[in-house]
Amino acid sequence: MSAAAAWDLNAAPVRVPGSVPGRAARPRLVLVPTGEAVHTSAPGRLRLTRAGRMAVTLTVAAVLLAVAAVALASRTGAAAPAAVADHAVTVAQGQTLSEIAVRELPDLPVASAVAELQLANNLPSAHVHAGQVLVVPARG
């Protein structure tokens, strides 16, 4: 049978003849069980460190913030008034959205008129094709 030795730093002070009173006792070697003699205990309760608690807190806060942002975005998106259509225009061959914006919304700057047409027609970009029907929003 084999055994291992380890320093026992928590041992009670031992009064050794000739030692100075009040001075700490020296550490001493103790035998440590090995192999089958080692007692295994059931795993204890999970304990989070300070960093673990901080990570859990930040994760929960981020999820709540994301849910609040999505709820706010969907709420403002639903509350936005729909553009009232004045009339519709069919895009001719070679025509651009800027040209249509200048002709149909002359009281607005070109960039604003293009943006109004994009919003009214749910266009992801300023690209249009011949034959496409665009709704021109009413100006009021």
N, C-alpha and C. Protein backbone atom coordinates (compact mmCIF):
# COMPACT_ATOMS: atom_id res chain seq x y z
N MET A 1 0.85 -1.16 0.00
CA MET A 1 0.00 0.00 0.00
C MET A 1 0.90 1.23 0.00
N SER A 2 0.54 2.17 -0.88
CA SER A 2 1.36 3.37 -0.95
C SER A 2 0.63 4.51 -0.26
N ALA A 3 1.37 5.52 0.11
CA ALA A 3 0.80 6.69 0.77
C ALA A 3 1.56 7.91 0.31
N ALA A 4 0.92 9.04 0.42
CA ALA A 4 1.56 10.30 0.07
C ALA A 4 1.67 11.14 1.32
N ALA A 5 2.61 12.06 1.30
CA ALA A 5 2.80 12.93 2.45
C ALA A 5 2.46 14.36 2.04
N ALA A 6 1.93 15.12 2.98
CA ALA A 6 1.60 16.52 2.72
C ALA A 6 1.89 17.31 3.98
N TRP A 7 2.08 18.58 3.82
CA TRP A 7 2.32 19.45 4.98
C TRP A 7 0.99 19.77 5.64
N ASP A 8 0.94 19.59 6.95
CA ASP A 8 -0.24 19.93 7.72
C ASP A 8 0.00 21.30 8.35
N LEU A 9 -0.56 22.33 7.72
CA LEU A 9 -0.32 23.70 8.20
C LEU A 9 -1.32 24.12 9.26
N ASN A 10 -2.38 23.35 9.44
CA ASN A 10 -3.41 23.70 10.40
C ASN A 10 -3.32 22.90 11.69
N ALA A 11 -2.24 22.22 11.88
CA ALA A 11 -2.11 21.37 13.07
C ALA A 11 -2.05 22.23 14.32
N ALA A 12 -2.55 21.66 15.40
CA ALA A 12 -2.50 22.37 16.68
C ALA A 12 -1.05 22.48 17.12
N PRO A 13 -0.71 23.60 17.75
CA PRO A 13 0.68 23.77 18.19
C PRO A 13 1.09 22.64 19.15
N VAL A 14 2.24 22.18 18.93
CA VAL A 14 2.78 21.09 19.74
C VAL A 14 3.88 21.67 20.62
N ARG A 15 3.79 21.37 21.85
CA ARG A 15 4.82 21.86 22.79
C ARG A 15 6.01 20.94 22.69
N VAL A 16 7.07 21.47 22.15
CA VAL A 16 8.31 20.71 22.01
C VAL A 16 9.26 21.20 23.07
N PRO A 17 9.89 20.27 23.79
CA PRO A 17 10.83 20.70 24.84
C PRO A 17 11.94 21.56 24.21
N GLY A 18 12.21 22.67 24.83
CA GLY A 18 13.27 23.55 24.36
C GLY A 18 12.78 24.60 23.38
N SER A 19 11.47 24.60 23.02
CA SER A 19 10.96 25.60 22.08
C SER A 19 10.62 26.88 22.83
N VAL A 20 10.58 27.97 22.10
CA VAL A 20 10.29 29.27 22.69
C VAL A 20 8.77 29.44 22.76
N PRO A 21 8.21 29.78 23.94
CA PRO A 21 6.77 29.97 24.05
C PRO A 21 6.30 31.18 23.22
N GLY A 22 5.10 31.09 22.63
CA GLY A 22 4.54 32.19 21.85
C GLY A 22 4.93 32.15 20.39
N ARG A 23 5.89 31.35 20.02
CA ARG A 23 6.31 31.25 18.63
C ARG A 23 5.49 30.17 17.95
N ALA A 24 5.14 30.39 16.68
CA ALA A 24 4.31 29.43 15.94
C ALA A 24 5.02 28.10 15.80
N ALA A 25 4.21 27.05 15.84
CA ALA A 25 4.77 25.71 15.69
C ALA A 25 5.14 25.47 14.24
N ARG A 26 6.08 24.62 14.02
CA ARG A 26 6.50 24.27 12.67
C ARG A 26 5.46 23.38 12.01
N PRO A 27 5.30 23.51 10.70
CA PRO A 27 4.43 22.57 10.00
C PRO A 27 5.02 21.16 10.08
N ARG A 28 4.15 20.18 10.02
CA ARG A 28 4.65 18.81 10.08
C ARG A 28 4.00 17.98 8.99
N LEU A 29 4.65 16.91 8.62
CA LEU A 29 4.17 16.03 7.56
C LEU A 29 3.11 15.08 8.12
N VAL A 30 2.07 14.85 7.30
CA VAL A 30 1.04 13.88 7.65
C VAL A 30 0.82 12.98 6.45
N LEU A 31 0.33 11.79 6.67
CA LEU A 31 0.04 10.86 5.60
C LEU A 31 -1.31 11.18 4.98
N VAL A 32 -1.37 11.14 3.65
CA VAL A 32 -2.59 11.40 2.90
C VAL A 32 -3.00 10.11 2.22
N PRO A 33 -4.26 9.67 2.36
CA PRO A 33 -4.66 8.42 1.74
C PRO A 33 -4.64 8.51 0.21
N THR A 34 -4.32 7.40 -0.43
CA THR A 34 -4.29 7.34 -1.89
C THR A 34 -5.03 6.10 -2.36
N GLY A 35 -5.34 6.07 -3.65
CA GLY A 35 -5.97 4.89 -4.24
C GLY A 35 -7.36 4.65 -3.71
N GLU A 36 -7.64 3.39 -3.32
CA GLU A 36 -8.97 3.01 -2.86
C GLU A 36 -9.28 3.56 -1.48
N ALA A 37 -8.29 4.00 -0.77
CA ALA A 37 -8.50 4.52 0.59
C ALA A 37 -9.07 5.94 0.57
N VAL A 38 -9.07 6.57 -0.58
CA VAL A 38 -9.59 7.94 -0.68
C VAL A 38 -11.11 7.90 -0.60
N HIS A 39 -11.68 8.72 0.24
CA HIS A 39 -13.14 8.80 0.38
C HIS A 39 -13.67 9.78 -0.67
N THR A 40 -14.61 9.30 -1.46
CA THR A 40 -15.22 10.18 -2.44
C THR A 40 -16.54 10.68 -1.87
N SER A 41 -16.77 11.95 -2.02
CA SER A 41 -18.03 12.51 -1.52
C SER A 41 -18.87 12.95 -2.71
N ALA A 42 -20.16 13.01 -2.51
CA ALA A 42 -21.08 13.44 -3.56
C ALA A 42 -20.81 14.91 -3.88
N PRO A 43 -20.97 15.27 -5.15
CA PRO A 43 -20.73 16.67 -5.50
C PRO A 43 -21.69 17.59 -4.74
N GLY A 44 -21.16 18.69 -4.28
CA GLY A 44 -21.95 19.63 -3.49
C GLY A 44 -22.81 20.53 -4.36
N ARG A 45 -23.46 21.44 -3.75
CA ARG A 45 -24.32 22.40 -4.42
C ARG A 45 -23.48 23.30 -5.32
N LEU A 46 -24.02 23.68 -6.44
CA LEU A 46 -23.32 24.56 -7.37
C LEU A 46 -23.20 25.94 -6.74
N ARG A 47 -21.98 26.46 -6.73
CA ARG A 47 -21.75 27.79 -6.16
C ARG A 47 -21.14 28.68 -7.23
N LEU A 48 -21.75 29.83 -7.42
CA LEU A 48 -21.25 30.77 -8.41
C LEU A 48 -20.25 31.72 -7.77
N THR A 49 -19.20 32.00 -8.50
CA THR A 49 -18.24 32.99 -8.04
C THR A 49 -18.79 34.38 -8.33
N ARG A 50 -18.09 35.39 -7.90
CA ARG A 50 -18.52 36.76 -8.17
C ARG A 50 -18.57 37.02 -9.67
N ALA A 51 -17.59 36.52 -10.41
CA ALA A 51 -17.58 36.69 -11.86
C ALA A 51 -18.75 35.95 -12.50
N GLY A 52 -19.10 34.78 -11.99
CA GLY A 52 -20.23 34.02 -12.51
C GLY A 52 -21.55 34.74 -12.27
N ARG A 53 -21.71 35.29 -11.07
CA ARG A 53 -22.93 36.05 -10.78
C ARG A 53 -23.03 37.28 -11.67
N MET A 54 -21.89 37.93 -11.91
CA MET A 54 -21.89 39.11 -12.78
C MET A 54 -22.26 38.71 -14.20
N ALA A 55 -21.75 37.58 -14.69
CA ALA A 55 -22.07 37.13 -16.04
C ALA A 55 -23.55 36.80 -16.17
N VAL A 56 -24.13 36.14 -15.18
CA VAL A 56 -25.55 35.81 -15.22
C VAL A 56 -26.39 37.10 -15.19
N THR A 57 -26.01 38.04 -14.33
CA THR A 57 -26.74 39.30 -14.24
C THR A 57 -26.70 40.07 -15.55
N LEU A 58 -25.52 40.16 -16.16
CA LEU A 58 -25.39 40.90 -17.42
C LEU A 58 -26.15 40.21 -18.55
N THR A 59 -26.16 38.89 -18.56
CA THR A 59 -26.89 38.16 -19.59
C THR A 59 -28.39 38.41 -19.47
N VAL A 60 -28.91 38.33 -18.25
CA VAL A 60 -30.34 38.58 -18.03
C VAL A 60 -30.68 40.02 -18.41
N ALA A 61 -29.83 40.97 -18.03
CA ALA A 61 -30.08 42.38 -18.37
C ALA A 61 -30.07 42.59 -19.88
N ALA A 62 -29.15 41.95 -20.59
CA ALA A 62 -29.08 42.09 -22.05
C ALA A 62 -30.32 41.50 -22.71
N VAL A 63 -30.79 40.37 -22.23
CA VAL A 63 -32.00 39.76 -22.80
C VAL A 63 -33.21 40.66 -22.56
N LEU A 64 -33.34 41.19 -21.35
CA LEU A 64 -34.46 42.09 -21.06
C LEU A 64 -34.40 43.35 -21.90
N LEU A 65 -33.21 43.89 -22.10
CA LEU A 65 -33.04 45.08 -22.92
C LEU A 65 -33.41 44.79 -24.38
N ALA A 66 -33.02 43.63 -24.88
CA ALA A 66 -33.35 43.26 -26.26
C ALA A 66 -34.86 43.08 -26.43
N VAL A 67 -35.50 42.44 -25.45
CA VAL A 67 -36.96 42.27 -25.52
C VAL A 67 -37.66 43.62 -25.49
N ALA A 68 -37.19 44.53 -24.64
CA ALA A 68 -37.79 45.86 -24.56
C ALA A 68 -37.60 46.62 -25.87
N ALA A 69 -36.43 46.49 -26.49
CA ALA A 69 -36.17 47.18 -27.75
C ALA A 69 -37.07 46.65 -28.86
N VAL A 70 -37.24 45.33 -28.92
CA VAL A 70 -38.11 44.74 -29.94
C VAL A 70 -39.56 45.17 -29.72
N ALA A 71 -39.99 45.17 -28.46
CA ALA A 71 -41.36 45.58 -28.16
C ALA A 71 -41.58 47.04 -28.52
N LEU A 72 -40.60 47.88 -28.22
CA LEU A 72 -40.73 49.30 -28.54
C LEU A 72 -40.72 49.52 -30.05
N ALA A 73 -39.87 48.79 -30.76
CA ALA A 73 -39.80 48.93 -32.22
C ALA A 73 -41.11 48.48 -32.88
N SER A 74 -41.66 47.38 -32.41
CA SER A 74 -42.91 46.91 -33.01
C SER A 74 -44.07 47.83 -32.66
N ARG A 75 -44.00 48.42 -31.48
CA ARG A 75 -45.06 49.33 -31.06
C ARG A 75 -45.04 50.61 -31.88
N THR A 76 -43.85 51.18 -32.09
CA THR A 76 -43.76 52.42 -32.88
C THR A 76 -44.02 52.14 -34.34
N GLY A 77 -43.66 50.95 -34.82
CA GLY A 77 -43.93 50.61 -36.21
C GLY A 77 -45.42 50.48 -36.48
N ALA A 78 -46.15 49.95 -35.52
CA ALA A 78 -47.59 49.78 -35.69
C ALA A 78 -48.33 51.11 -35.56
N ALA A 79 -47.77 52.02 -34.79
CA ALA A 79 -48.45 53.28 -34.54
C ALA A 79 -48.18 54.30 -35.65
N ALA A 80 -47.23 54.02 -36.53
CA ALA A 80 -46.90 54.97 -37.59
C ALA A 80 -48.07 55.03 -38.58
N PRO A 81 -48.50 56.23 -38.92
CA PRO A 81 -49.62 56.34 -39.85
C PRO A 81 -49.20 55.92 -41.26
N ALA A 82 -50.09 55.26 -41.95
CA ALA A 82 -49.81 54.84 -43.31
C ALA A 82 -49.91 56.06 -44.23
N ALA A 83 -49.08 56.07 -45.27
CA ALA A 83 -49.09 57.18 -46.21
C ALA A 83 -50.40 57.15 -47.00
N VAL A 84 -51.00 58.29 -47.13
CA VAL A 84 -52.24 58.38 -47.91
C VAL A 84 -51.84 58.57 -49.36
N ALA A 85 -52.36 57.69 -50.22
CA ALA A 85 -51.99 57.73 -51.64
C ALA A 85 -52.77 58.83 -52.35
N ASP A 86 -52.03 59.62 -53.12
CA ASP A 86 -52.66 60.65 -53.94
C ASP A 86 -53.04 60.05 -55.29
N HIS A 87 -52.06 59.43 -55.91
CA HIS A 87 -52.29 58.73 -57.18
C HIS A 87 -51.13 57.77 -57.43
N ALA A 88 -51.22 56.98 -58.49
CA ALA A 88 -50.19 56.00 -58.83
C ALA A 88 -49.54 56.40 -60.14
N VAL A 89 -48.27 56.02 -60.26
CA VAL A 89 -47.49 56.32 -61.46
C VAL A 89 -46.83 55.03 -61.92
N THR A 90 -46.83 54.78 -63.22
CA THR A 90 -46.14 53.62 -63.78
C THR A 90 -44.79 54.07 -64.30
N VAL A 91 -43.75 53.34 -63.91
CA VAL A 91 -42.38 53.69 -64.30
C VAL A 91 -42.18 53.37 -65.77
N ALA A 92 -41.68 54.35 -66.53
CA ALA A 92 -41.39 54.16 -67.96
C ALA A 92 -39.97 53.64 -68.14
N GLN A 93 -39.66 53.15 -69.32
CA GLN A 93 -38.33 52.64 -69.64
C GLN A 93 -37.30 53.75 -69.47
N GLY A 94 -36.22 53.50 -68.72
CA GLY A 94 -35.13 54.45 -68.52
C GLY A 94 -35.40 55.50 -67.46
N GLN A 95 -36.54 55.47 -66.82
CA GLN A 95 -36.88 56.45 -65.81
C GLN A 95 -36.29 56.05 -64.45
N THR A 96 -35.86 57.03 -63.67
CA THR A 96 -35.30 56.76 -62.33
C THR A 96 -36.27 57.27 -61.28
N LEU A 97 -36.04 56.82 -60.06
CA LEU A 97 -36.87 57.25 -58.95
C LEU A 97 -36.68 58.75 -58.69
N SER A 98 -35.48 59.24 -58.92
CA SER A 98 -35.22 60.68 -58.74
C SER A 98 -36.03 61.51 -59.72
N GLU A 99 -36.11 61.07 -60.98
CA GLU A 99 -36.89 61.81 -61.98
C GLU A 99 -38.37 61.83 -61.60
N ILE A 100 -38.87 60.70 -61.15
CA ILE A 100 -40.27 60.62 -60.75
C ILE A 100 -40.51 61.52 -59.53
N ALA A 101 -39.57 61.52 -58.59
CA ALA A 101 -39.70 62.34 -57.38
C ALA A 101 -39.74 63.82 -57.72
N VAL A 102 -38.88 64.27 -58.65
CA VAL A 102 -38.86 65.68 -59.04
C VAL A 102 -40.16 66.06 -59.73
N ARG A 103 -40.68 65.18 -60.60
CA ARG A 103 -41.90 65.48 -61.34
C ARG A 103 -43.15 65.43 -60.47
N GLU A 104 -43.24 64.41 -59.58
CA GLU A 104 -44.46 64.20 -58.81
C GLU A 104 -44.51 64.98 -57.49
N LEU A 105 -43.34 65.27 -56.90
CA LEU A 105 -43.28 65.99 -55.62
C LEU A 105 -42.35 67.21 -55.77
N PRO A 106 -42.74 68.20 -56.56
CA PRO A 106 -41.85 69.33 -56.85
C PRO A 106 -41.60 70.25 -55.66
N ASP A 107 -42.46 70.23 -54.65
CA ASP A 107 -42.29 71.13 -53.52
C ASP A 107 -41.26 70.62 -52.50
N LEU A 108 -40.76 69.39 -52.67
CA LEU A 108 -39.78 68.81 -51.75
C LEU A 108 -38.40 68.77 -52.40
N PRO A 109 -37.33 68.81 -51.59
CA PRO A 109 -36.00 68.56 -52.14
C PRO A 109 -35.95 67.14 -52.71
N VAL A 110 -35.06 66.91 -53.66
CA VAL A 110 -35.00 65.63 -54.37
C VAL A 110 -34.80 64.47 -53.39
N ALA A 111 -33.85 64.60 -52.45
CA ALA A 111 -33.56 63.50 -51.51
C ALA A 111 -34.79 63.19 -50.65
N SER A 112 -35.49 64.21 -50.20
CA SER A 112 -36.68 63.99 -49.37
C SER A 112 -37.81 63.37 -50.19
N ALA A 113 -37.96 63.81 -51.43
CA ALA A 113 -39.01 63.26 -52.29
C ALA A 113 -38.75 61.79 -52.59
N VAL A 114 -37.49 61.44 -52.85
CA VAL A 114 -37.12 60.04 -53.09
C VAL A 114 -37.42 59.21 -51.84
N ALA A 115 -37.07 59.75 -50.68
CA ALA A 115 -37.32 59.02 -49.42
C ALA A 115 -38.82 58.83 -49.21
N GLU A 116 -39.62 59.84 -49.52
CA GLU A 116 -41.08 59.71 -49.39
C GLU A 116 -41.62 58.61 -50.30
N LEU A 117 -41.13 58.56 -51.53
CA LEU A 117 -41.59 57.52 -52.46
C LEU A 117 -41.15 56.13 -51.98
N GLN A 118 -39.94 56.04 -51.47
CA GLN A 118 -39.46 54.74 -50.96
C GLN A 118 -40.31 54.28 -49.79
N LEU A 119 -40.63 55.18 -48.86
CA LEU A 119 -41.46 54.81 -47.71
C LEU A 119 -42.87 54.42 -48.13
N ALA A 120 -43.45 55.17 -49.04
CA ALA A 120 -44.83 54.91 -49.46
C ALA A 120 -44.95 53.58 -50.20
N ASN A 121 -43.87 53.15 -50.87
CA ASN A 121 -43.92 51.93 -51.68
C ASN A 121 -43.12 50.77 -51.08
N ASN A 122 -42.61 50.94 -49.87
CA ASN A 122 -41.79 49.90 -49.21
C ASN A 122 -40.63 49.46 -50.08
N LEU A 123 -39.92 50.41 -50.66
CA LEU A 123 -38.78 50.09 -51.50
C LEU A 123 -37.52 50.03 -50.65
N PRO A 124 -36.73 48.94 -50.75
CA PRO A 124 -35.50 48.85 -49.97
C PRO A 124 -34.39 49.73 -50.53
N SER A 125 -34.47 50.10 -51.81
CA SER A 125 -33.45 50.95 -52.43
C SER A 125 -34.14 51.88 -53.42
N ALA A 126 -33.32 52.68 -54.11
CA ALA A 126 -33.88 53.64 -55.08
C ALA A 126 -34.00 53.04 -56.47
N HIS A 127 -33.78 51.75 -56.60
CA HIS A 127 -33.86 51.09 -57.91
C HIS A 127 -35.31 50.75 -58.25
N VAL A 128 -35.72 51.12 -59.45
CA VAL A 128 -37.05 50.79 -59.96
C VAL A 128 -36.89 50.20 -61.36
N HIS A 129 -37.90 49.49 -61.83
CA HIS A 129 -37.83 48.91 -63.16
C HIS A 129 -39.07 49.33 -63.97
N ALA A 130 -38.93 49.25 -65.28
CA ALA A 130 -40.01 49.67 -66.18
C ALA A 130 -41.26 48.84 -65.93
N GLY A 131 -42.40 49.50 -65.88
CA GLY A 131 -43.67 48.82 -65.67
C GLY A 131 -44.08 48.75 -64.21
N GLN A 132 -43.19 49.11 -63.29
CA GLN A 132 -43.51 49.07 -61.87
C GLN A 132 -44.47 50.22 -61.54
N VAL A 133 -45.48 49.92 -60.75
CA VAL A 133 -46.46 50.93 -60.37
C VAL A 133 -46.08 51.46 -59.00
N LEU A 134 -45.90 52.78 -58.91
CA LEU A 134 -45.53 53.42 -57.65
C LEU A 134 -46.68 54.30 -57.15
N VAL A 135 -46.90 54.25 -55.86
CA VAL A 135 -47.91 55.09 -55.22
C VAL A 135 -47.23 56.41 -54.86
N VAL A 136 -47.82 57.51 -55.23
CA VAL A 136 -47.31 58.84 -54.87
C VAL A 136 -48.09 59.30 -53.64
N PRO A 137 -47.39 59.57 -52.52
CA PRO A 137 -48.10 59.97 -51.31
C PRO A 137 -48.69 61.37 -51.45
N ALA A 138 -49.81 61.57 -50.82
CA ALA A 138 -50.48 62.88 -50.85
C ALA A 138 -49.73 63.84 -49.94
N ARG A 139 -49.56 65.07 -50.37
CA ARG A 139 -48.92 66.10 -49.58
C ARG A 139 -49.99 66.97 -48.97
N GLY A 140 -49.94 67.18 -47.67
CA GLY A 140 -51.02 67.92 -47.06
C GLY A 140 -50.54 68.85 -46.10
